[in-house]
Amino acid sequence: MGLTIDTSILVDFFTKRDAERYKKSQEFLKSAKGKSVYCPKIVLAEILGVLVRYNVKLADIGYDFVLKNFNLIEEDVIFDEILKVCKNTGSS
């Protein structure tokens, strides 16, 4: 399928709470530039729900960023692959 982004990368990028995680999120987004990146639709709700706690405008920016930069997909399309990744790497 290619690259898939999750909410944590976007939250790290927009909030800059932790310098190391912010740098990693920047690196991921930079390496993903020009590539087809998939994004589960639930990320739209998650990014709004998290970023609005910081700032309504930041939440809008994050939401628009997702819409403009990623290919939204239904979660069931990638669910089995997500389970494999979690089982093999401990990621969630």
PDB file of N, CA and C in Angstrom:
ATOM      1  N   MET A   1       0.820  -1.193   0.000  1.00  0.00           N
ATOM      2  CA  MET A   1       0.000   0.000   0.000  1.00  0.00           C
ATOM      3  C   MET A   1       0.862   1.255   0.000  1.00  0.00           C
ATOM      4  N   GLY A   2       2.001   1.245   0.626  1.00  0.00           N
ATOM      5  CA  GLY A   2       2.813   2.447   0.679  1.00  0.00           C
ATOM      6  C   GLY A   2       2.777   3.079   2.053  1.00  0.00           C
ATOM      7  N   LEU A   3       3.007   4.360   2.114  1.00  0.00           N
ATOM      8  CA  LEU A   3       3.053   5.078   3.385  1.00  0.00           C
ATOM      9  C   LEU A   3       1.655   5.346   3.927  1.00  0.00           C
ATOM     10  N   THR A   4       1.522   5.180   5.226  1.00  0.00           N
ATOM     11  CA  THR A   4       0.279   5.509   5.916  1.00  0.00           C
ATOM     12  C   THR A   4       0.637   6.369   7.120  1.00  0.00           C
ATOM     13  N   ILE A   5      -0.094   7.436   7.303  1.00  0.00           N
ATOM     14  CA  ILE A   5       0.175   8.349   8.417  1.00  0.00           C
ATOM     15  C   ILE A   5      -0.860   8.136   9.509  1.00  0.00           C
ATOM     16  N   ASP A   6      -0.449   8.400  10.746  1.00  0.00           N
ATOM     17  CA  ASP A   6      -1.413   8.328  11.839  1.00  0.00           C
ATOM     18  C   ASP A   6      -1.436   9.649  12.608  1.00  0.00           C
ATOM     19  N   THR A   7      -2.363   9.740  13.510  1.00  0.00           N
ATOM     20  CA  THR A   7      -2.599  10.989  14.232  1.00  0.00           C
ATOM     21  C   THR A   7      -1.388  11.456  15.029  1.00  0.00           C
ATOM     22  N   SER A   8      -0.659  10.527  15.626  1.00  0.00           N
ATOM     23  CA  SER A   8       0.448  10.928  16.500  1.00  0.00           C
ATOM     24  C   SER A   8       1.511  11.735  15.762  1.00  0.00           C
ATOM     25  N   ILE A   9       1.785  11.381  14.529  1.00  0.00           N
ATOM     26  CA  ILE A   9       2.771  12.135  13.740  1.00  0.00           C
ATOM     27  C   ILE A   9       2.287  13.564  13.537  1.00  0.00           C
ATOM     28  N   LEU A  10       1.027  13.712  13.219  1.00  0.00           N
ATOM     29  CA  LEU A  10       0.473  15.043  12.970  1.00  0.00           C
ATOM     30  C   LEU A  10       0.401  15.874  14.247  1.00  0.00           C
ATOM     31  N   VAL A  11       0.014  15.253  15.349  1.00  0.00           N
ATOM     32  CA  VAL A  11      -0.037  15.977  16.623  1.00  0.00           C
ATOM     33  C   VAL A  11       1.367  16.442  17.007  1.00  0.00           C
ATOM     34  N   ASP A  12       2.349  15.564  16.855  1.00  0.00           N
ATOM     35  CA  ASP A  12       3.737  15.953  17.157  1.00  0.00           C
ATOM     36  C   ASP A  12       4.187  17.115  16.287  1.00  0.00           C
ATOM     37  N   PHE A  13       3.803  17.087  15.026  1.00  0.00           N
ATOM     38  CA  PHE A  13       4.203  18.136  14.095  1.00  0.00           C
ATOM     39  C   PHE A  13       3.557  19.477  14.442  1.00  0.00           C
ATOM     40  N   PHE A  14       2.273  19.469  14.725  1.00  0.00           N
ATOM     41  CA  PHE A  14       1.559  20.727  14.954  1.00  0.00           C
ATOM     42  C   PHE A  14       1.725  21.293  16.361  1.00  0.00           C
ATOM     43  N   THR A  15       1.926  20.446  17.357  1.00  0.00           N
ATOM     44  CA  THR A  15       2.015  20.964  18.724  1.00  0.00           C
ATOM     45  C   THR A  15       3.443  21.250  19.169  1.00  0.00           C
ATOM     46  N   LYS A  16       4.397  20.571  18.589  1.00  0.00           N
ATOM     47  CA  LYS A  16       5.818  20.765  18.946  1.00  0.00           C
ATOM     48  C   LYS A  16       6.046  20.590  20.451  1.00  0.00           C
ATOM     49  N   ARG A  17       5.301  19.667  21.077  1.00  0.00           N
ATOM     50  CA  ARG A  17       5.409  19.445  22.528  1.00  0.00           C
ATOM     51  C   ARG A  17       6.760  18.868  22.939  1.00  0.00           C
ATOM     52  N   ASP A  18       7.302  18.011  22.097  1.00  0.00           N
ATOM     53  CA  ASP A  18       8.550  17.314  22.410  1.00  0.00           C
ATOM     54  C   ASP A  18       9.488  17.500  21.221  1.00  0.00           C
ATOM     55  N   ALA A  19      10.647  18.075  21.456  1.00  0.00           N
ATOM     56  CA  ALA A  19      11.564  18.434  20.363  1.00  0.00           C
ATOM     57  C   ALA A  19      11.966  17.229  19.517  1.00  0.00           C
ATOM     58  N   GLU A  20      12.238  16.097  20.153  1.00  0.00           N
ATOM     59  CA  GLU A  20      12.660  14.908  19.406  1.00  0.00           C
ATOM     60  C   GLU A  20      11.528  14.366  18.539  1.00  0.00           C
ATOM     61  N   ARG A  21      10.332  14.293  19.115  1.00  0.00           N
ATOM     62  CA  ARG A  21       9.181  13.791  18.339  1.00  0.00           C
ATOM     63  C   ARG A  21       8.811  14.772  17.220  1.00  0.00           C
ATOM     64  N   TYR A  22       8.938  16.063  17.494  1.00  0.00           N
ATOM     65  CA  TYR A  22       8.677  17.068  16.460  1.00  0.00           C
ATOM     66  C   TYR A  22       9.640  16.878  15.293  1.00  0.00           C
ATOM     67  N   LYS A  23      10.918  16.676  15.598  1.00  0.00           N
ATOM     68  CA  LYS A  23      11.922  16.477  14.552  1.00  0.00           C
ATOM     69  C   LYS A  23      11.610  15.228  13.730  1.00  0.00           C
ATOM     70  N   LYS A  24      11.229  14.146  14.394  1.00  0.00           N
ATOM     71  CA  LYS A  24      10.880  12.912  13.677  1.00  0.00           C
ATOM     72  C   LYS A  24       9.655  13.118  12.790  1.00  0.00           C
ATOM     73  N   SER A  25       8.686  13.870  13.285  1.00  0.00           N
ATOM     74  CA  SER A  25       7.488  14.122  12.470  1.00  0.00           C
ATOM     75  C   SER A  25       7.841  14.961  11.245  1.00  0.00           C
ATOM     76  N   GLN A  26       8.729  15.942  11.430  1.00  0.00           N
ATOM     77  CA  GLN A  26       9.196  16.750  10.296  1.00  0.00           C
ATOM     78  C   GLN A  26       9.897  15.874   9.266  1.00  0.00           C
ATOM     79  N   GLU A  27      10.768  14.992   9.739  1.00  0.00           N
ATOM     80  CA  GLU A  27      11.510  14.106   8.841  1.00  0.00           C
ATOM     81  C   GLU A  27      10.566  13.204   8.060  1.00  0.00           C
ATOM     82  N   PHE A  28       9.549  12.657   8.744  1.00  0.00           N
ATOM     83  CA  PHE A  28       8.592  11.803   8.053  1.00  0.00           C
ATOM     84  C   PHE A  28       7.857  12.586   6.977  1.00  0.00           C
ATOM     85  N   LEU A  29       7.344  13.750   7.342  1.00  0.00           N
ATOM     86  CA  LEU A  29       6.575  14.541   6.384  1.00  0.00           C
ATOM     87  C   LEU A  29       7.442  14.996   5.216  1.00  0.00           C
ATOM     88  N   LYS A  30       8.692  15.315   5.483  1.00  0.00           N
ATOM     89  CA  LYS A  30       9.606  15.710   4.415  1.00  0.00           C
ATOM     90  C   LYS A  30       9.877  14.531   3.480  1.00  0.00           C
ATOM     91  N   SER A  31      10.098  13.348   4.046  1.00  0.00           N
ATOM     92  CA  SER A  31      10.369  12.168   3.219  1.00  0.00           C
ATOM     93  C   SER A  31       9.130  11.724   2.442  1.00  0.00           C
ATOM     94  N   ALA A  32       7.952  12.070   2.943  1.00  0.00           N
ATOM     95  CA  ALA A  32       6.701  11.682   2.291  1.00  0.00           C
ATOM     96  C   ALA A  32       6.297  12.641   1.173  1.00  0.00           C
ATOM     97  N   LYS A  33       6.934  13.797   1.135  1.00  0.00           N
ATOM     98  CA  LYS A  33       6.565  14.815   0.145  1.00  0.00           C
ATOM     99  C   LYS A  33       6.674  14.249  -1.272  1.00  0.00           C
ATOM    100  N   GLY A  34       5.616  14.429  -2.042  1.00  0.00           N
ATOM    101  CA  GLY A  34       5.592  13.962  -3.416  1.00  0.00           C
ATOM    102  C   GLY A  34       5.226  12.495  -3.566  1.00  0.00           C
ATOM    103  N   LYS A  35       5.052  11.801  -2.439  1.00  0.00           N
ATOM    104  CA  LYS A  35       4.671  10.389  -2.470  1.00  0.00           C
ATOM    105  C   LYS A  35       3.192  10.259  -2.135  1.00  0.00           C
ATOM    106  N   SER A  36       2.654   9.127  -2.487  1.00  0.00           N
ATOM    107  CA  SER A  36       1.269   8.845  -2.163  1.00  0.00           C
ATOM    108  C   SER A  36       1.204   8.369  -0.712  1.00  0.00           C
ATOM    109  N   VAL A  37       0.558   9.163   0.137  1.00  0.00           N
ATOM    110  CA  VAL A  37       0.446   8.834   1.556  1.00  0.00           C
ATOM    111  C   VAL A  37      -1.030   8.635   1.887  1.00  0.00           C
ATOM    112  N   TYR A  38      -1.319   7.515   2.534  1.00  0.00           N
ATOM    113  CA  TYR A  38      -2.690   7.192   2.896  1.00  0.00           C
ATOM    114  C   TYR A  38      -2.956   7.582   4.344  1.00  0.00           C
ATOM    115  N   CYS A  39      -4.194   7.965   4.591  1.00  0.00           N
ATOM    116  CA  CYS A  39      -4.580   8.444   5.912  1.00  0.00           C
ATOM    117  C   CYS A  39      -5.972   7.903   6.248  1.00  0.00           C
ATOM    118  N   PRO A  40      -6.086   7.114   7.318  1.00  0.00           N
ATOM    119  CA  PRO A  40      -7.412   6.656   7.732  1.00  0.00           C
ATOM    120  C   PRO A  40      -8.320   7.853   8.032  1.00  0.00           C
ATOM    121  N   LYS A  41      -9.574   7.756   7.613  1.00  0.00           N
ATOM    122  CA  LYS A  41     -10.500   8.880   7.782  1.00  0.00           C
ATOM    123  C   LYS A  41     -10.678   9.298   9.239  1.00  0.00           C
ATOM    124  N   ILE A  42     -10.539   8.359  10.157  1.00  0.00           N
ATOM    125  CA  ILE A  42     -10.715   8.680  11.577  1.00  0.00           C
ATOM    126  C   ILE A  42      -9.708   9.730  12.041  1.00  0.00           C
ATOM    127  N   VAL A  43      -8.587   9.844  11.336  1.00  0.00           N
ATOM    128  CA  VAL A  43      -7.567  10.834  11.698  1.00  0.00           C
ATOM    129  C   VAL A  43      -8.145  12.250  11.658  1.00  0.00           C
ATOM    130  N   LEU A  44      -9.088  12.506  10.769  1.00  0.00           N
ATOM    131  CA  LEU A  44      -9.706  13.836  10.713  1.00  0.00           C
ATOM    132  C   LEU A  44     -10.367  14.191  12.044  1.00  0.00           C
ATOM    133  N   ALA A  45     -11.121  13.256  12.598  1.00  0.00           N
ATOM    134  CA  ALA A  45     -11.776  13.503  13.888  1.00  0.00           C
ATOM    135  C   ALA A  45     -10.752  13.590  15.011  1.00  0.00           C
ATOM    136  N   GLU A  46      -9.760  12.715  14.967  1.00  0.00           N
ATOM    137  CA  GLU A  46      -8.746  12.713  16.027  1.00  0.00           C
ATOM    138  C   GLU A  46      -7.923  13.999  16.024  1.00  0.00           C
ATOM    139  N   ILE A  47      -7.534  14.453  14.855  1.00  0.00           N
ATOM    140  CA  ILE A  47      -6.699  15.657  14.781  1.00  0.00           C
ATOM    141  C   ILE A  47      -7.484  16.883  15.269  1.00  0.00           C
ATOM    142  N   LEU A  48      -8.760  16.946  14.913  1.00  0.00           N
ATOM    143  CA  LEU A  48      -9.594  18.043  15.416  1.00  0.00           C
ATOM    144  C   LEU A  48      -9.743  17.962  16.930  1.00  0.00           C
ATOM    145  N   GLY A  49     -10.033  16.765  17.430  1.00  0.00           N
ATOM    146  CA  GLY A  49     -10.257  16.578  18.853  1.00  0.00           C
ATOM    147  C   GLY A  49      -9.049  16.916  19.714  1.00  0.00           C
ATOM    148  N   VAL A  50      -7.864  16.634  19.205  1.00  0.00           N
ATOM    149  CA  VAL A  50      -6.646  16.928  19.966  1.00  0.00           C
ATOM    150  C   VAL A  50      -6.234  18.387  19.798  1.00  0.00           C
ATOM    151  N   LEU A  51      -6.155  18.846  18.559  1.00  0.00           N
ATOM    152  CA  LEU A  51      -5.618  20.191  18.321  1.00  0.00           C
ATOM    153  C   LEU A  51      -6.534  21.307  18.809  1.00  0.00           C
ATOM    154  N   VAL A  52      -7.844  21.066  18.859  1.00  0.00           N
ATOM    155  CA  VAL A  52      -8.756  22.108  19.337  1.00  0.00           C
ATOM    156  C   VAL A  52      -8.481  22.428  20.808  1.00  0.00           C
ATOM    157  N   ARG A  53      -7.884  21.487  21.522  1.00  0.00           N
ATOM    158  CA  ARG A  53      -7.523  21.737  22.926  1.00  0.00           C
ATOM    159  C   ARG A  53      -6.391  22.755  23.040  1.00  0.00           C
ATOM    160  N   TYR A  54      -5.623  22.866  21.974  1.00  0.00           N
ATOM    161  CA  TYR A  54      -4.541  23.849  21.932  1.00  0.00           C
ATOM    162  C   TYR A  54      -5.043  25.179  21.393  1.00  0.00           C
ATOM    163  N   ASN A  55      -5.809  25.087  20.291  1.00  0.00           N
ATOM    164  CA  ASN A  55      -6.229  26.309  19.619  1.00  0.00           C
ATOM    165  C   ASN A  55      -7.170  25.922  18.485  1.00  0.00           C
ATOM    166  N   VAL A  56      -8.298  26.596  18.370  1.00  0.00           N
ATOM    167  CA  VAL A  56      -9.268  26.286  17.317  1.00  0.00           C
ATOM    168  C   VAL A  56      -8.648  26.488  15.939  1.00  0.00           C
ATOM    169  N   LYS A  57      -7.892  27.563  15.766  1.00  0.00           N
ATOM    170  CA  LYS A  57      -7.264  27.822  14.471  1.00  0.00           C
ATOM    171  C   LYS A  57      -6.268  26.715  14.122  1.00  0.00           C
ATOM    172  N   LEU A  58      -5.508  26.246  15.104  1.00  0.00           N
ATOM    173  CA  LEU A  58      -4.557  25.163  14.870  1.00  0.00           C
ATOM    174  C   LEU A  58      -5.289  23.897  14.438  1.00  0.00           C
ATOM    175  N   ALA A  59      -6.442  23.632  15.035  1.00  0.00           N
ATOM    176  CA  ALA A  59      -7.248  22.472  14.654  1.00  0.00           C
ATOM    177  C   ALA A  59      -7.696  22.588  13.202  1.00  0.00           C
ATOM    178  N   ASP A  60      -8.118  23.767  12.797  1.00  0.00           N
ATOM    179  CA  ASP A  60      -8.528  23.986  11.406  1.00  0.00           C
ATOM    180  C   ASP A  60      -7.352  23.793  10.452  1.00  0.00           C
ATOM    181  N   ILE A  61      -6.184  24.292  10.839  1.00  0.00           N
ATOM    182  CA  ILE A  61      -4.987  24.146  10.001  1.00  0.00           C
ATOM    183  C   ILE A  61      -4.628  22.667   9.855  1.00  0.00           C
ATOM    184  N   GLY A  62      -4.655  21.934  10.960  1.00  0.00           N
ATOM    185  CA  GLY A  62      -4.347  20.505  10.916  1.00  0.00           C
ATOM    186  C   GLY A  62      -5.328  19.737  10.046  1.00  0.00           C
ATOM    187  N   TYR A  63      -6.609  20.035  10.190  1.00  0.00           N
ATOM    188  CA  TYR A  63      -7.661  19.388   9.400  1.00  0.00           C
ATOM    189  C   TYR A  63      -7.442  19.652   7.916  1.00  0.00           C
ATOM    190  N   ASP A  64      -7.228  20.909   7.564  1.00  0.00           N
ATOM    191  CA  ASP A  64      -6.998  21.272   6.157  1.00  0.00           C
ATOM    192  C   ASP A  64      -5.731  20.623   5.612  1.00  0.00           C
ATOM    193  N   PHE A  65      -4.693  20.535   6.441  1.00  0.00           N
ATOM    194  CA  PHE A  65      -3.433  19.909   6.036  1.00  0.00           C
ATOM    195  C   PHE A  65      -3.664  18.452   5.645  1.00  0.00           C
ATOM    196  N   VAL A  66      -4.441  17.737   6.450  1.00  0.00           N
ATOM    197  CA  VAL A  66      -4.749  16.340   6.146  1.00  0.00           C
ATOM    198  C   VAL A  66      -5.501  16.242   4.825  1.00  0.00           C
ATOM    199  N   LEU A  67      -6.530  17.058   4.656  1.00  0.00           N
ATOM    200  CA  LEU A  67      -7.325  17.009   3.425  1.00  0.00           C
ATOM    201  C   LEU A  67      -6.494  17.296   2.179  1.00  0.00           C
ATOM    202  N   LYS A  68      -5.557  18.222   2.276  1.00  0.00           N
ATOM    203  CA  LYS A  68      -4.774  18.643   1.112  1.00  0.00           C
ATOM    204  C   LYS A  68      -3.604  17.722   0.789  1.00  0.00           C
ATOM    205  N   ASN A  69      -3.108  16.987   1.771  1.00  0.00           N
ATOM    206  CA  ASN A  69      -1.849  16.274   1.574  1.00  0.00           C
ATOM    207  C   ASN A  69      -1.921  14.754   1.565  1.00  0.00           C
ATOM    208  N   PHE A  70      -3.049  14.189   1.963  1.00  0.00           N
ATOM    209  CA  PHE A  70      -3.107  12.740   2.082  1.00  0.00           C
ATOM    210  C   PHE A  70      -4.332  12.165   1.384  1.00  0.00           C
ATOM    211  N   ASN A  71      -4.231  10.890   1.031  1.00  0.00           N
ATOM    212  CA  ASN A  71      -5.336  10.159   0.429  1.00  0.00           C
ATOM    213  C   ASN A  71      -6.139   9.510   1.553  1.00  0.00           C
ATOM    214  N   LEU A  72      -7.344   9.997   1.788  1.00  0.00           N
ATOM    215  CA  LEU A  72      -8.180   9.449   2.852  1.00  0.00           C
ATOM    216  C   LEU A  72      -8.716   8.085   2.452  1.00  0.00           C
ATOM    217  N   ILE A  73      -8.676   7.152   3.402  1.00  0.00           N
ATOM    218  CA  ILE A  73      -9.172   5.802   3.143  1.00  0.00           C
ATOM    219  C   ILE A  73     -10.007   5.330   4.330  1.00  0.00           C
ATOM    220  N   GLU A  74     -10.885   4.396   4.050  1.00  0.00           N
ATOM    221  CA  GLU A  74     -11.677   3.769   5.104  1.00  0.00           C
ATOM    222  C   GLU A  74     -10.762   2.847   5.910  1.00  0.00           C
ATOM    223  N   GLU A  75     -10.960   2.794   7.198  1.00  0.00           N
ATOM    224  CA  GLU A  75     -10.100   2.003   8.064  1.00  0.00           C
ATOM    225  C   GLU A  75     -10.116   0.521   7.719  1.00  0.00           C
ATOM    226  N   ASP A  76     -11.283   0.002   7.311  1.00  0.00           N
ATOM    227  CA  ASP A  76     -11.357  -1.431   7.042  1.00  0.00           C
ATOM    228  C   ASP A  76     -10.462  -1.860   5.880  1.00  0.00           C
ATOM    229  N   VAL A  77     -10.089  -0.916   5.028  1.00  0.00           N
ATOM    230  CA  VAL A  77      -9.213  -1.217   3.898  1.00  0.00           C
ATOM    231  C   VAL A  77      -7.818  -1.611   4.387  1.00  0.00           C
ATOM    232  N   ILE A  78      -7.387  -1.037   5.494  1.00  0.00           N
ATOM    233  CA  ILE A  78      -6.025  -1.287   5.972  1.00  0.00           C
ATOM    234  C   ILE A  78      -5.973  -2.015   7.311  1.00  0.00           C
ATOM    235  N   PHE A  79      -7.114  -2.380   7.853  1.00  0.00           N
ATOM    236  CA  PHE A  79      -7.150  -2.940   9.203  1.00  0.00           C
ATOM    237  C   PHE A  79      -6.284  -4.182   9.366  1.00  0.00           C
ATOM    238  N   ASP A  80      -6.385  -5.131   8.457  1.00  0.00           N
ATOM    239  CA  ASP A  80      -5.591  -6.358   8.574  1.00  0.00           C
ATOM    240  C   ASP A  80      -4.098  -6.067   8.528  1.00  0.00           C
ATOM    241  N   GLU A  81      -3.714  -5.123   7.686  1.00  0.00           N
ATOM    242  CA  GLU A  81      -2.302  -4.745   7.598  1.00  0.00           C
ATOM    243  C   GLU A  81      -1.842  -4.068   8.891  1.00  0.00           C
ATOM    244  N   ILE A  82      -2.705  -3.254   9.482  1.00  0.00           N
ATOM    245  CA  ILE A  82      -2.380  -2.602  10.752  1.00  0.00           C
ATOM    246  C   ILE A  82      -2.134  -3.649  11.836  1.00  0.00           C
ATOM    247  N   LEU A  83      -2.976  -4.663  11.883  1.00  0.00           N
ATOM    248  CA  LEU A  83      -2.794  -5.720  12.877  1.00  0.00           C
ATOM    249  C   LEU A  83      -1.447  -6.409  12.712  1.00  0.00           C
ATOM    250  N   LYS A  84      -1.049  -6.668  11.473  1.00  0.00           N
ATOM    251  CA  LYS A  84       0.256  -7.303  11.221  1.00  0.00           C
ATOM    252  C   LYS A  84       1.395  -6.420  11.713  1.00  0.00           C
ATOM    253  N   VAL A  85       1.322  -5.136  11.420  1.00  0.00           N
ATOM    254  CA  VAL A  85       2.374  -4.212  11.852  1.00  0.00           C
ATOM    255  C   VAL A  85       2.446  -4.176  13.372  1.00  0.00           C
ATOM    256  N   CYS A  86       1.301  -4.072  14.021  1.00  0.00           N
ATOM    257  CA  CYS A  86       1.281  -4.023  15.486  1.00  0.00           C
ATOM    258  C   CYS A  86       1.864  -5.300  16.091  1.00  0.00           C
ATOM    259  N   LYS A  87       1.506  -6.430  15.529  1.00  0.00           N
ATOM    260  CA  LYS A  87       1.995  -7.711  16.043  1.00  0.00           C
ATOM    261  C   LYS A  87       3.503  -7.835  15.863  1.00  0.00           C
ATOM    262  N   ASN A  88       4.012  -7.368  14.734  1.00  0.00           N
ATOM    263  CA  ASN A  88       5.433  -7.530  14.417  1.00  0.00           C
ATOM    264  C   ASN A  88       6.331  -6.471  15.037  1.00  0.00           C
ATOM    265  N   THR A  89       5.789  -5.302  15.349  1.00  0.00           N
ATOM    266  CA  THR A  89       6.649  -4.214  15.826  1.00  0.00           C
ATOM    267  C   THR A  89       6.259  -3.676  17.191  1.00  0.00           C
ATOM    268  N   GLY A  90       5.095  -4.022  17.659  1.00  0.00           N
ATOM    269  CA  GLY A  90       4.628  -3.465  18.920  1.00  0.00           C
ATOM    270  C   GLY A  90       4.041  -2.081  18.762  1.00  0.00           C
ATOM    271  N   SER A  91       3.904  -1.625  17.517  1.00  0.00           N
ATOM    272  CA  SER A  91       3.346  -0.297  17.256  1.00  0.00           C
ATOM    273  C   SER A  91       1.838  -0.348  17.315  1.00  0.00           C
ATOM    274  N   SER A  92       1.263   0.782  17.669  1.00  0.00           N
ATOM    275  CA  SER A  92      -0.197   0.894  17.628  1.00  0.00           C
ATOM    276  C   SER A  92      -0.575   2.247  17.120  1.00  0.00           C
TER     277      SER A  92
END
